[in-house]
C-alpha atoms as a PDB file:
ATOM      1  CA  MET A   1      27.795  55.355 -47.666  1.00  0.00           C
ATOM      2  CA  PHE A   2      27.900  53.216 -44.511  1.00  0.00           C
ATOM      3  CA  GLN A   3      30.827  51.079 -45.614  1.00  0.00           C
ATOM      4  CA  ASP A   4      32.841  54.104 -46.731  1.00  0.00           C
ATOM      5  CA  GLU A   5      32.298  55.853 -43.421  1.00  0.00           C
ATOM      6  CA  ILE A   6      33.035  52.970 -41.067  1.00  0.00           C
ATOM      7  CA  CYS A   7      36.162  52.090 -43.050  1.00  0.00           C
ATOM      8  CA  ARG A   8      37.573  55.576 -42.438  1.00  0.00           C
ATOM      9  CA  HIS A   9      38.594  54.170 -39.058  1.00  0.00           C
ATOM     10  CA  PRO A  10      42.227  53.008 -39.074  1.00  0.00           C
ATOM     11  CA  ASP A  11      41.294  49.881 -37.093  1.00  0.00           C
ATOM     12  CA  VAL A  12      38.633  48.757 -39.577  1.00  0.00           C
ATOM     13  CA  ARG A  13      39.430  46.975 -42.825  1.00  0.00           C
ATOM     14  CA  THR A  14      37.389  45.542 -45.657  1.00  0.00           C
ATOM     15  CA  VAL A  15      38.416  43.527 -48.686  1.00  0.00           C
ATOM     16  CA  GLN A  16      40.699  45.453 -51.010  1.00  0.00           C
ATOM     17  CA  TYR A  17      39.294  43.562 -53.985  1.00  0.00           C
ATOM     18  CA  SER A  18      36.082  41.804 -54.985  1.00  0.00           C
ATOM     19  CA  PRO A  19      34.894  40.325 -58.286  1.00  0.00           C
ATOM     20  CA  HIS A  20      31.583  41.986 -57.427  1.00  0.00           C
ATOM     21  CA  SER A  21      30.730  45.690 -57.230  1.00  0.00           C
ATOM     22  CA  ASN A  22      31.217  48.029 -54.256  1.00  0.00           C
ATOM     23  CA  LEU A  23      33.724  45.705 -52.551  1.00  0.00           C
ATOM     24  CA  GLU A  24      30.894  43.373 -51.546  1.00  0.00           C
ATOM     25  CA  THR A  25      32.089  39.779 -51.128  1.00  0.00           C
ATOM     26  CA  HIS A  26      28.704  38.043 -51.647  1.00  0.00           C
ATOM     27  CA  TRP A  27      30.414  35.235 -49.703  1.00  0.00           C
ATOM     28  CA  TRP A  28      27.495  33.658 -47.896  1.00  0.00           C
ATOM     29  CA  LEU A  29      25.111  33.918 -50.833  1.00  0.00           C
ATOM     30  CA  MET A  30      27.722  32.303 -53.073  1.00  0.00           C
ATOM     31  CA  ALA A  31      28.153  29.690 -50.350  1.00  0.00           C
ATOM     32  CA  ALA A  32      24.426  28.958 -50.301  1.00  0.00           C
ATOM     33  CA  VAL A  33      24.485  28.415 -54.065  1.00  0.00           C
ATOM     34  CA  LEU A  34      27.653  26.308 -53.954  1.00  0.00           C
ATOM     35  CA  LEU A  35      26.344  24.071 -51.155  1.00  0.00           C
ATOM     36  CA  GLY A  36      23.058  23.504 -52.954  1.00  0.00           C
ATOM     37  CA  LYS A  37      20.756  24.959 -50.325  1.00  0.00           C
ATOM     38  CA  PRO A  38      17.060  24.194 -50.998  1.00  0.00           C
ATOM     39  CA  GLY A  39      15.211  26.603 -53.246  1.00  0.00           C
ATOM     40  CA  GLN A  40      12.668  27.252 -50.503  1.00  0.00           C
ATOM     41  CA  LEU A  41      15.377  29.092 -48.537  1.00  0.00           C
ATOM     42  CA  PHE A  42      15.839  31.683 -51.292  1.00  0.00           C
ATOM     43  CA  ASN A  43      13.480  34.611 -51.707  1.00  0.00           C
ATOM     44  CA  SER A  44      12.410  33.582 -55.206  1.00  0.00           C
ATOM     45  CA  GLY A  45      11.569  30.035 -54.152  1.00  0.00           C
ATOM     46  CA  ARG A  46      14.451  28.678 -56.231  1.00  0.00           C
ATOM     47  CA  PRO A  47      18.248  28.849 -55.904  1.00  0.00           C
ATOM     48  CA  TYR A  48      19.732  32.257 -56.656  1.00  0.00           C
ATOM     49  CA  ASP A  49      20.870  32.316 -60.295  1.00  0.00           C
ATOM     50  CA  GLY A  50      22.867  35.548 -60.357  1.00  0.00           C
ATOM     51  CA  TYR A  51      26.188  33.675 -60.556  1.00  0.00           C
ATOM     52  CA  GLY A  52      25.095  31.238 -63.249  1.00  0.00           C
ATOM     53  CA  GLY A  53      25.393  28.060 -61.171  1.00  0.00           C
ATOM     54  CA  ARG A  54      27.364  26.282 -58.457  1.00  0.00           C
ATOM     55  CA  GLU A  55      30.649  25.986 -60.333  1.00  0.00           C
ATOM     56  CA  ASN A  56      30.573  29.687 -61.134  1.00  0.00           C
ATOM     57  CA  ALA A  57      29.954  30.510 -57.467  1.00  0.00           C
ATOM     58  CA  ARG A  58      33.028  28.468 -56.597  1.00  0.00           C
ATOM     59  CA  ALA A  59      35.076  30.313 -59.228  1.00  0.00           C
ATOM     60  CA  TYR A  60      34.022  33.646 -57.715  1.00  0.00           C
ATOM     61  CA  MET A  61      35.007  32.491 -54.219  1.00  0.00           C
ATOM     62  CA  ILE A  62      38.406  31.186 -55.284  1.00  0.00           C
ATOM     63  CA  ASP A  63      39.152  34.432 -57.121  1.00  0.00           C
ATOM     64  CA  LEU A  64      38.270  36.482 -54.040  1.00  0.00           C
ATOM     65  CA  LEU A  65      40.508  34.323 -51.854  1.00  0.00           C
ATOM     66  CA  ALA A  66      43.407  34.503 -54.305  1.00  0.00           C
ATOM     67  CA  GLU A  67      43.422  38.295 -54.069  1.00  0.00           C
ATOM     68  CA  CYS A  68      42.483  38.814 -50.416  1.00  0.00           C
ATOM     69  CA  ALA A  69      43.915  35.736 -48.643  1.00  0.00           C
ATOM     70  CA  PRO A  70      46.647  34.571 -51.045  1.00  0.00           C
ATOM     71  CA  ASP A  71      48.255  32.164 -48.553  1.00  0.00           C
ATOM     72  CA  PHE A  72      45.094  30.052 -48.416  1.00  0.00           C
ATOM     73  CA  SER A  73      44.974  26.988 -50.669  1.00  0.00           C
ATOM     74  CA  PRO A  74      41.348  26.326 -51.685  1.00  0.00           C
ATOM     75  CA  PRO A  75      40.308  22.761 -50.775  1.00  0.00           C
ATOM     76  CA  LEU A  76      38.396  20.533 -53.169  1.00  0.00           C
ATOM     77  CA  ASP A  77      35.601  20.027 -50.645  1.00  0.00           C
ATOM     78  CA  ASP A  78      32.963  22.740 -51.093  1.00  0.00           C
ATOM     79  CA  ARG A  79      31.984  22.968 -47.439  1.00  0.00           C
ATOM     80  CA  ALA A  80      35.609  23.322 -46.395  1.00  0.00           C
ATOM     81  CA  LEU A  81      36.039  26.063 -48.990  1.00  0.00           C
ATOM     82  CA  VAL A  82      33.072  27.957 -47.546  1.00  0.00           C
ATOM     83  CA  PHE A  83      33.988  27.863 -43.873  1.00  0.00           C
ATOM     84  CA  ASP A  84      37.776  27.560 -43.967  1.00  0.00           C
ATOM     85  CA  GLY A  85      37.999  30.134 -46.741  1.00  0.00           C
ATOM     86  CA  TRP A  86      36.009  32.667 -44.743  1.00  0.00           C
ATOM     87  CA  GLU A  87      38.134  32.005 -41.680  1.00  0.00           C
ATOM     88  CA  ALA A  88      41.203  32.707 -43.820  1.00  0.00           C
ATOM     89  CA  LEU A  89      39.731  36.032 -44.917  1.00  0.00           C
ATOM     90  CA  CYS A  90      39.008  36.927 -41.302  1.00  0.00           C
ATOM     91  CA  ARG A  91      42.519  36.006 -40.153  1.00  0.00           C
ATOM     92  CA  THR A  92      43.961  38.202 -42.887  1.00  0.00           C
ATOM     93  CA  LEU A  93      41.676  41.210 -42.531  1.00  0.00           C
ATOM     94  CA  ALA A  94      40.507  41.310 -38.902  1.00  0.00           C
ATOM     95  CA  GLN A  95      43.364  43.593 -37.765  1.00  0.00           C
ATOM     96  CA  PRO A  96      41.539  44.107 -35.481  1.00  0.00           C
ATOM     97  CA  VAL A  97      38.178  44.581 -37.273  1.00  0.00           C
ATOM     98  CA  PHE A  98      37.078  43.147 -40.615  1.00  0.00           C
ATOM     99  CA  PHE A  99      33.943  44.879 -41.902  1.00  0.00           C
ATOM    100  CA  GLU A 100      31.895  43.194 -44.624  1.00  0.00           C
ATOM    101  CA  LYS A 101      28.800  44.555 -46.341  1.00  0.00           C
ATOM    102  CA  SER A 102      26.732  42.442 -48.705  1.00  0.00           C
ATOM    103  CA  PRO A 103      23.102  43.602 -48.571  1.00  0.00           C
ATOM    104  CA  GLN A 104      22.034  40.596 -50.658  1.00  0.00           C
ATOM    105  CA  PHE A 105      22.275  38.360 -47.586  1.00  0.00           C
ATOM    106  CA  LEU A 106      19.200  39.716 -45.842  1.00  0.00           C
ATOM    107  CA  ALA A 107      16.938  38.774 -48.735  1.00  0.00           C
ATOM    108  CA  GLN A 108      18.099  35.154 -48.669  1.00  0.00           C
ATOM    109  CA  TRP A 109      17.559  32.977 -45.622  1.00  0.00           C
ATOM    110  CA  ALA A 110      19.849  30.402 -47.239  1.00  0.00           C
ATOM    111  CA  ALA A 111      22.731  32.850 -46.729  1.00  0.00           C
ATOM    112  CA  LEU A 112      21.641  34.020 -43.283  1.00  0.00           C
ATOM    113  CA  SER A 113      21.417  30.469 -41.944  1.00  0.00           C
ATOM    114  CA  LEU A 114      25.021  29.850 -42.999  1.00  0.00           C
ATOM    115  CA  ILE A 115      26.166  33.041 -41.284  1.00  0.00           C
ATOM    116  CA  LEU A 116      24.438  31.946 -38.086  1.00  0.00           C
ATOM    117  CA  GLU A 117      26.030  28.498 -38.385  1.00  0.00           C
ATOM    118  CA  TRP A 118      29.472  30.042 -38.778  1.00  0.00           C
ATOM    119  CA  MET A 119      28.911  32.343 -35.808  1.00  0.00           C
ATOM    120  CA  GLN A 120      28.268  29.295 -33.628  1.00  0.00           C
ATOM    121  CA  GLN A 121      31.548  27.609 -34.524  1.00  0.00           C
ATOM    122  CA  THR A 122      34.073  30.419 -35.021  1.00  0.00           C
ATOM    123  CA  THR A 123      36.363  31.849 -32.364  1.00  0.00           C
ATOM    124  CA  PHE A 124      36.063  35.334 -33.883  1.00  0.00           C
ATOM    125  CA  ASP A 125      33.875  37.881 -32.098  1.00  0.00           C
ATOM    126  CA  VAL A 126      31.205  38.370 -34.761  1.00  0.00           C
ATOM    127  CA  LYS A 127      28.740  41.252 -34.635  1.00  0.00           C
ATOM    128  CA  ILE A 128      25.959  42.164 -37.033  1.00  0.00           C
ATOM    129  CA  ILE A 129      24.706  45.672 -37.784  1.00  0.00           C
ATOM    130  CA  GLY A 130      21.257  45.846 -39.364  1.00  0.00           C
ATOM    131  CA  LEU A 131      20.736  49.114 -41.250  1.00  0.00           C
ATOM    132  CA  VAL A 132      17.097  49.845 -42.108  1.00  0.00           C
ATOM    133  CA  ARG A 133      15.723  52.654 -44.254  1.00  0.00           C
ATOM    134  CA  ASN A 134      12.345  54.209 -45.027  1.00  0.00           C
ATOM    135  CA  PRO A 135      10.797  51.898 -47.643  1.00  0.00           C
ATOM    136  CA  HIS A 136      10.090  54.854 -49.921  1.00  0.00           C
ATOM    137  CA  GLY A 137      13.753  55.849 -49.952  1.00  0.00           C
ATOM    138  CA  THR A 138      14.737  52.254 -50.625  1.00  0.00           C
ATOM    139  CA  MET A 139      12.227  51.784 -53.454  1.00  0.00           C
ATOM    140  CA  TYR A 140      13.135  55.101 -55.067  1.00  0.00           C
ATOM    141  CA  SER A 141      16.858  54.352 -55.062  1.00  0.00           C
ATOM    142  CA  ALA A 142      16.324  50.823 -56.390  1.00  0.00           C
ATOM    143  CA  ALA A 143      14.141  52.098 -59.238  1.00  0.00           C
ATOM    144  CA  ALA A 144      16.797  54.637 -60.198  1.00  0.00           C
ATOM    145  CA  LEU A 145      19.696  52.178 -59.963  1.00  0.00           C
ATOM    146  CA  PHE A 146      18.217  48.908 -61.186  1.00  0.00           C
ATOM    147  CA  GLY A 147      14.988  49.760 -62.953  1.00  0.00           C
ATOM    148  CA  THR A 148      12.877  47.732 -60.528  1.00  0.00           C
ATOM    149  CA  ASP A 149       9.175  48.414 -60.031  1.00  0.00           C
ATOM    150  CA  PRO A 150       8.609  49.988 -56.572  1.00  0.00           C
ATOM    151  CA  ALA A 151       5.113  48.494 -56.296  1.00  0.00           C
ATOM    152  CA  THR A 152       6.608  45.012 -56.588  1.00  0.00           C
ATOM    153  CA  ARG A 153       9.922  45.551 -54.834  1.00  0.00           C
ATOM    154  CA  GLN A 154       8.253  46.866 -51.658  1.00  0.00           C
ATOM    155  CA  PHE A 155       7.407  43.267 -50.757  1.00  0.00           C
ATOM    156  CA  GLY A 156      11.068  42.364 -51.033  1.00  0.00           C
ATOM    157  CA  TRP A 157      11.759  45.135 -48.510  1.00  0.00           C
ATOM    158  CA  LEU A 158       9.138  43.571 -46.257  1.00  0.00           C
ATOM    159  CA  GLU A 159      10.758  40.138 -46.474  1.00  0.00           C
ATOM    160  CA  ILE A 160      14.195  41.586 -45.744  1.00  0.00           C
ATOM    161  CA  CYS A 161      12.878  43.332 -42.636  1.00  0.00           C
ATOM    162  CA  ARG A 162      11.173  40.144 -41.440  1.00  0.00           C
ATOM    163  CA  ASN A 163      14.464  38.288 -41.814  1.00  0.00           C
ATOM    164  CA  LEU A 164      16.287  41.064 -39.977  1.00  0.00           C
ATOM    165  CA  LEU A 165      13.898  40.889 -37.028  1.00  0.00           C
ATOM    166  CA  VAL A 166      14.272  37.110 -36.841  1.00  0.00           C
ATOM    167  CA  VAL A 167      18.067  37.362 -36.811  1.00  0.00           C
ATOM    168  CA  GLU A 168      17.813  39.986 -34.074  1.00  0.00           C
ATOM    169  CA  GLN A 169      15.753  37.596 -31.957  1.00  0.00           C
ATOM    170  CA  MET A 170      18.215  34.745 -32.511  1.00  0.00           C
ATOM    171  CA  LEU A 171      21.287  36.688 -31.364  1.00  0.00           C
ATOM    172  CA  PRO A 172      22.250  38.094 -27.958  1.00  0.00           C
ATOM    173  CA  ALA A 173      22.026  41.864 -27.581  1.00  0.00           C
ATOM    174  CA  ASP A 174      25.804  42.310 -27.617  1.00  0.00           C
ATOM    175  CA  ARG A 175      26.025  40.742 -31.082  1.00  0.00           C
ATOM    176  CA  PHE A 176      23.337  42.656 -32.943  1.00  0.00           C
ATOM    177  CA  MET A 177      22.702  46.368 -33.463  1.00  0.00           C
ATOM    178  CA  LYS A 178      19.793  47.790 -35.453  1.00  0.00           C
ATOM    179  CA  ILE A 179      20.060  51.331 -36.848  1.00  0.00           C
ATOM    180  CA  ARG A 180      17.743  53.489 -38.920  1.00  0.00           C
ATOM    181  CA  TYR A 181      19.483  55.203 -41.813  1.00  0.00           C
ATOM    182  CA  GLU A 182      17.615  58.452 -41.193  1.00  0.00           C
ATOM    183  CA  ASP A 183      18.617  58.546 -37.510  1.00  0.00           C
ATOM    184  CA  LEU A 184      22.236  57.990 -38.465  1.00  0.00           C
ATOM    185  CA  ILE A 185      22.131  60.895 -40.920  1.00  0.00           C
ATOM    186  CA  ASP A 186      20.405  63.215 -38.436  1.00  0.00           C
ATOM    187  CA  GLU A 187      22.859  62.486 -35.601  1.00  0.00           C
ATOM    188  CA  LYS A 188      26.054  61.529 -37.388  1.00  0.00           C
ATOM    189  CA  ALA A 189      28.541  62.091 -34.586  1.00  0.00           C
ATOM    190  CA  ALA A 190      26.556  60.251 -31.920  1.00  0.00           C
ATOM    191  CA  GLY A 191      25.373  57.525 -34.285  1.00  0.00           C
ATOM    192  CA  PHE A 192      28.781  56.588 -35.624  1.00  0.00           C
ATOM    193  CA  ALA A 193      30.302  56.855 -32.146  1.00  0.00           C
ATOM    194  CA  ASP A 194      27.772  54.260 -30.948  1.00  0.00           C
ATOM    195  CA  ILE A 195      28.681  52.005 -33.861  1.00  0.00           C
ATOM    196  CA  CYS A 196      32.392  52.305 -33.105  1.00  0.00           C
ATOM    197  CA  GLN A 197      31.780  51.367 -29.489  1.00  0.00           C
ATOM    198  CA  PHE A 198      29.620  48.424 -30.557  1.00  0.00           C
ATOM    199  CA  ILE A 199      32.367  46.960 -32.760  1.00  0.00           C
ATOM    200  CA  GLY A 200      35.049  47.646 -30.166  1.00  0.00           C
ATOM    201  CA  VAL A 201      37.048  50.523 -31.622  1.00  0.00           C
ATOM    202  CA  PRO A 202      37.457  54.033 -30.200  1.00  0.00           C
ATOM    203  CA  PRO A 203      35.214  56.672 -31.834  1.00  0.00           C
ATOM    204  CA  ILE A 204      36.989  59.202 -34.038  1.00  0.00           C
ATOM    205  CA  ASP A 205      35.700  62.303 -35.824  1.00  0.00           C
ATOM    206  CA  ALA A 206      36.620  61.005 -39.281  1.00  0.00           C
ATOM    207  CA  VAL A 207      34.044  58.217 -39.131  1.00  0.00           C
ATOM    208  CA  GLY A 208      30.786  59.691 -40.392  1.00  0.00           C
ATOM    209  CA  SER A 209      32.359  62.913 -41.619  1.00  0.00           C
ATOM    210  CA  GLY A 210      31.360  62.212 -45.209  1.00  0.00           C
ATOM    211  CA  ALA A 211      27.792  61.089 -44.537  1.00  0.00           C
ATOM    212  CA  HIS A 212      25.010  63.252 -45.934  1.00  0.00           C
ATOM    213  CA  GLY A 213      21.247  63.119 -46.313  1.00  0.00           C
ATOM    214  CA  ARG A 214      20.835  64.727 -49.718  1.00  0.00           C
ATOM    215  CA  SER A 215      18.914  61.741 -51.054  1.00  0.00           C
ATOM    216  CA  THR A 216      16.819  61.037 -47.957  1.00  0.00           C
ATOM    217  CA  ASP A 217      13.658  62.823 -49.141  1.00  0.00           C
ATOM    218  CA  LYS A 218      14.358  62.917 -52.853  1.00  0.00           C
ATOM    219  CA  TRP A 219      11.411  60.605 -53.467  1.00  0.00           C
ATOM    220  CA  ARG A 220       9.019  63.209 -52.029  1.00  0.00           C
ATOM    221  CA  ARG A 221      10.051  65.787 -54.617  1.00  0.00           C
ATOM    222  CA  ASP A 222       9.691  63.518 -57.650  1.00  0.00           C
ATOM    223  CA  VAL A 223       6.151  63.719 -59.056  1.00  0.00           C
ATOM    224  CA  GLY A 224       6.880  60.609 -61.120  1.00  0.00           C
ATOM    225  CA  TYR A 225       7.224  58.492 -57.991  1.00  0.00           C
ATOM    226  CA  ARG A 226       3.623  57.401 -57.312  1.00  0.00           C
ATOM    227  CA  LEU A 227       3.989  54.504 -54.878  1.00  0.00           C
ATOM    228  CA  LYS A 228       1.428  54.088 -52.134  1.00  0.00           C
ATOM    229  CA  LEU A 229       2.750  51.552 -49.660  1.00  0.00           C
ATOM    230  CA  ASP A 230       0.865  48.313 -49.166  1.00  0.00           C
ATOM    231  CA  PRO A 231      -0.692  48.129 -45.666  1.00  0.00           C
ATOM    232  CA  ALA A 232       1.562  45.191 -44.718  1.00  0.00           C
ATOM    233  CA  VAL A 233       4.676  47.143 -45.726  1.00  0.00           C
ATOM    234  CA  ARG A 234       3.442  50.176 -43.863  1.00  0.00           C
ATOM    235  CA  GLN A 235       2.797  48.012 -40.800  1.00  0.00           C
ATOM    236  CA  MET A 236       6.396  46.793 -40.785  1.00  0.00           C
ATOM    237  CA  ALA A 237       7.727  50.320 -41.263  1.00  0.00           C
ATOM    238  CA  ARG A 238       5.659  51.525 -38.312  1.00  0.00           C
ATOM    239  CA  HIS A 239       7.143  48.726 -36.203  1.00  0.00           C
ATOM    240  CA  LEU A 240      10.611  49.970 -37.155  1.00  0.00           C
ATOM    241  CA  GLY A 241       9.772  53.440 -35.881  1.00  0.00           C
ATOM    242  CA  TYR A 242       8.547  55.309 -38.959  1.00  0.00           C
ATOM    243  CA  SER A 243       5.518  57.556 -38.487  1.00  0.00           C
ATOM    244  CA  ASP A 244       2.568  58.021 -40.828  1.00  0.00           C
ATOM    245  CA  ALA A 245       4.095  61.342 -41.871  1.00  0.00           C
ATOM    246  CA  ASP A 246       7.331  59.527 -42.756  1.00  0.00           C
ATOM    247  CA  LEU A 247       5.419  57.049 -44.920  1.00  0.00           C
ATOM    248  CA  ASP A 248       2.881  59.259 -46.698  1.00  0.00           C
ATOM    249  CA  ASN A 249       3.762  59.958 -50.326  1.00  0.00           C
ATOM    250  CA  PRO A 250       2.458  63.382 -51.461  1.00  0.00           C
ATOM    251  CA  ASN A 251       2.474  62.116 -55.057  1.00  0.00           C
ATOM    252  CA  ALA A 252       0.859  58.743 -54.363  1.00  0.00           C
ATOM    253  CA  ALA A 253      -1.427  57.351 -57.039  1.00  0.00           C
ATOM    254  CA  ASP A 254      -5.155  57.307 -56.356  1.00  0.00           C
ATOM    255  CA  ALA A 255      -7.042  54.020 -56.300  1.00  0.00           C
ATOM    256  CA  GLY A 256      -6.999  52.436 -59.746  1.00  0.00           C
ATOM    257  CA  GLU A 257      -4.107  54.553 -61.030  1.00  0.00           C
ATOM    258  CA  ALA A 258      -0.679  53.227 -61.889  1.00  0.00           C
ATOM    259  CA  GLN A 259       1.535  53.117 -58.805  1.00  0.00           C
ATOM    260  CA  THR A 260       4.604  54.430 -60.565  1.00  0.00           C
ATOM    261  CA  VAL A 261       5.856  55.579 -63.935  1.00  0.00           C
ATOM    262  CA  MET A 262       9.549  55.789 -63.042  1.00  0.00           C
ATOM    263  CA  ARG A 263      11.389  52.850 -64.569  1.00  0.00           C
ATOM    264  CA  ARG A 264      14.945  52.714 -65.779  1.00  0.00           C
ATOM    265  CA  ASN A 265      15.287  50.543 -68.848  1.00  0.00           C
ATOM    266  CA  SER A 266      19.017  50.485 -69.370  1.00  0.00           C
ATOM    267  CA  PRO A 267      20.930  48.029 -71.584  1.00  0.00           C
ATOM    268  CA  ARG A 268      23.676  48.195 -68.970  1.00  0.00           C
ATOM    269  CA  ILE A 269      21.502  46.306 -66.472  1.00  0.00           C
ATOM    270  CA  TRP A 270      20.757  43.596 -69.034  1.00  0.00           C
ATOM    271  CA  PHE A 271      24.451  43.319 -69.896  1.00  0.00           C
ATOM    272  CA  ASN A 272      25.662  43.238 -66.278  1.00  0.00           C
ATOM    273  CA  ARG A 273      23.380  40.356 -65.373  1.00  0.00           C
ATOM    274  CA  ARG A 274      24.671  38.255 -68.250  1.00  0.00           C
ATOM    275  CA  ARG A 275      28.239  39.312 -67.574  1.00  0.00           C
ATOM    276  CA  ASP A 276      27.947  38.069 -63.980  1.00  0.00           C
ATOM    277  CA  ARG A 277      26.514  34.717 -65.077  1.00  0.00           C
ATOM    278  CA  PHE A 278      28.659  33.945 -68.101  1.00  0.00           C
ATOM    279  CA  LEU A 279      31.542  36.265 -69.013  1.00  0.00           C
ATOM    280  CA  GLN A 280      32.929  37.012 -65.559  1.00  0.00           C
ATOM    281  CA  PRO A 281      33.112  33.357 -64.413  1.00  0.00           C
ATOM    282  CA  MET A 282      34.917  32.418 -67.641  1.00  0.00           C
ATOM    283  CA  TRP A 283      37.458  35.180 -67.044  1.00  0.00           C
ATOM    284  CA  LEU A 284      37.922  34.148 -63.405  1.00  0.00           C
ATOM    285  CA  ARG A 285      38.645  30.553 -64.399  1.00  0.00           C
ATOM    286  CA  LEU A 286      41.181  31.745 -66.957  1.00  0.00           C
ATOM    287  CA  ARG A 287      42.801  33.956 -64.342  1.00  0.00           C
ATOM    288  CA  ALA A 288      42.990  31.026 -61.926  1.00  0.00           C
ATOM    289  CA  MET A 289      44.758  28.963 -64.602  1.00  0.00           C
ATOM    290  CA  LEU A 290      47.219  31.782 -65.231  1.00  0.00           C
ATOM    291  CA  ARG A 291      47.911  32.050 -61.502  1.00  0.00           C
ATOM    292  CA  GLN A 292      48.475  28.309 -61.296  1.00  0.00           C
ATOM    293  CA  ASN A 293      50.815  28.334 -64.281  1.00  0.00           C
ATOM    294  CA  GLY A 294      52.690  31.269 -62.819  1.00  0.00           C
ATOM    295  CA  SER A 295      53.073  29.448 -59.515  1.00  0.00           C
ATOM    296  CA  THR A 296      54.275  26.307 -61.297  1.00  0.00           C
ATOM    297  CA  ASP A 297      56.816  28.297 -63.319  1.00  0.00           C
ATOM    298  CA  ALA A 298      58.043  30.049 -60.180  1.00  0.00           C
ATOM    299  CA  ASN A 299      58.472  26.734 -58.358  1.00  0.00           C
ATOM    300  CA  ALA A 300      60.339  25.285 -61.344  1.00  0.00           C
ATOM    301  CA  SER A 301      62.617  28.324 -61.392  1.00  0.00           C
ATOM    302  CA  ARG A 302      63.391  27.950 -57.699  1.00  0.00           C
ATOM    303  CA  SER A 303      64.121  24.256 -58.252  1.00  0.00           C
ATOM    304  CA  LEU A 304      66.577  25.073 -61.050  1.00  0.00           C
ATOM    305  CA  ASP A 305      68.284  27.713 -58.909  1.00  0.00           C
ATOM    306  CA  MET A 306      68.957  25.111 -56.236  1.00  0.00           C
ATOM    307  CA  LYS A 307      70.768  22.777 -58.659  1.00  0.00           C
END
């Protein structure tokens, strides 16, 4: 929702293509994998394996650059690919604003540390918007989309929020803006106008016009959603401005009962994870070879024309 709305502004652009879903680049998480960041910097305690390895991460990055910054020639050096490649994307798309949304970053300090490093060295005016949501809404949506267990995933939400608060403390006020999803839905016009001003573009009515809150309290109406928030998760949510009434689940399980019975066991999830690790990288490498052959043939043709 957020990306769709902010990109209604004529001065805001995002990538027109990504090998990942929802036009998310995954850039800095791929970079963390490619550069071999220590496992302790990833939320699982080991390097993120969603791309199937370092070489696959590089293949994803090169494919993204080929489509979105075609004039950039990927260097052999991995670190140069990470930082120079991202600069190339920004030069191409920041006309004047390049908006990028990859929610995976907040769960992985390995990715966040690279973003902060880039912000220190780039000449671009970089700003970060941290969008937080009621943990119940987040857990409910994740269970429906990915089949994750809310009782377990709530601690991932907690870690993400801790990372967000740390990033907020590390950046000056004019570079970071924190927004609650529910506040944005309740006051769309004012909320999106504030965001436009923060990123340096004039507010327009179109931005936010498609936002809706139909799913905000859906978790309350589902008797199959039984999660009772852990006290530590509830503590963080209170810090972010949510009241006890916001966090109480009318269908919460009693002590000793199962927290939730809503799980989505879809073969599509199983397939997508293996596609991302194996099939997609193979296809991207093949596509890169075809591009290279096409470029070689075109250069040969131009050479013949000159004779």
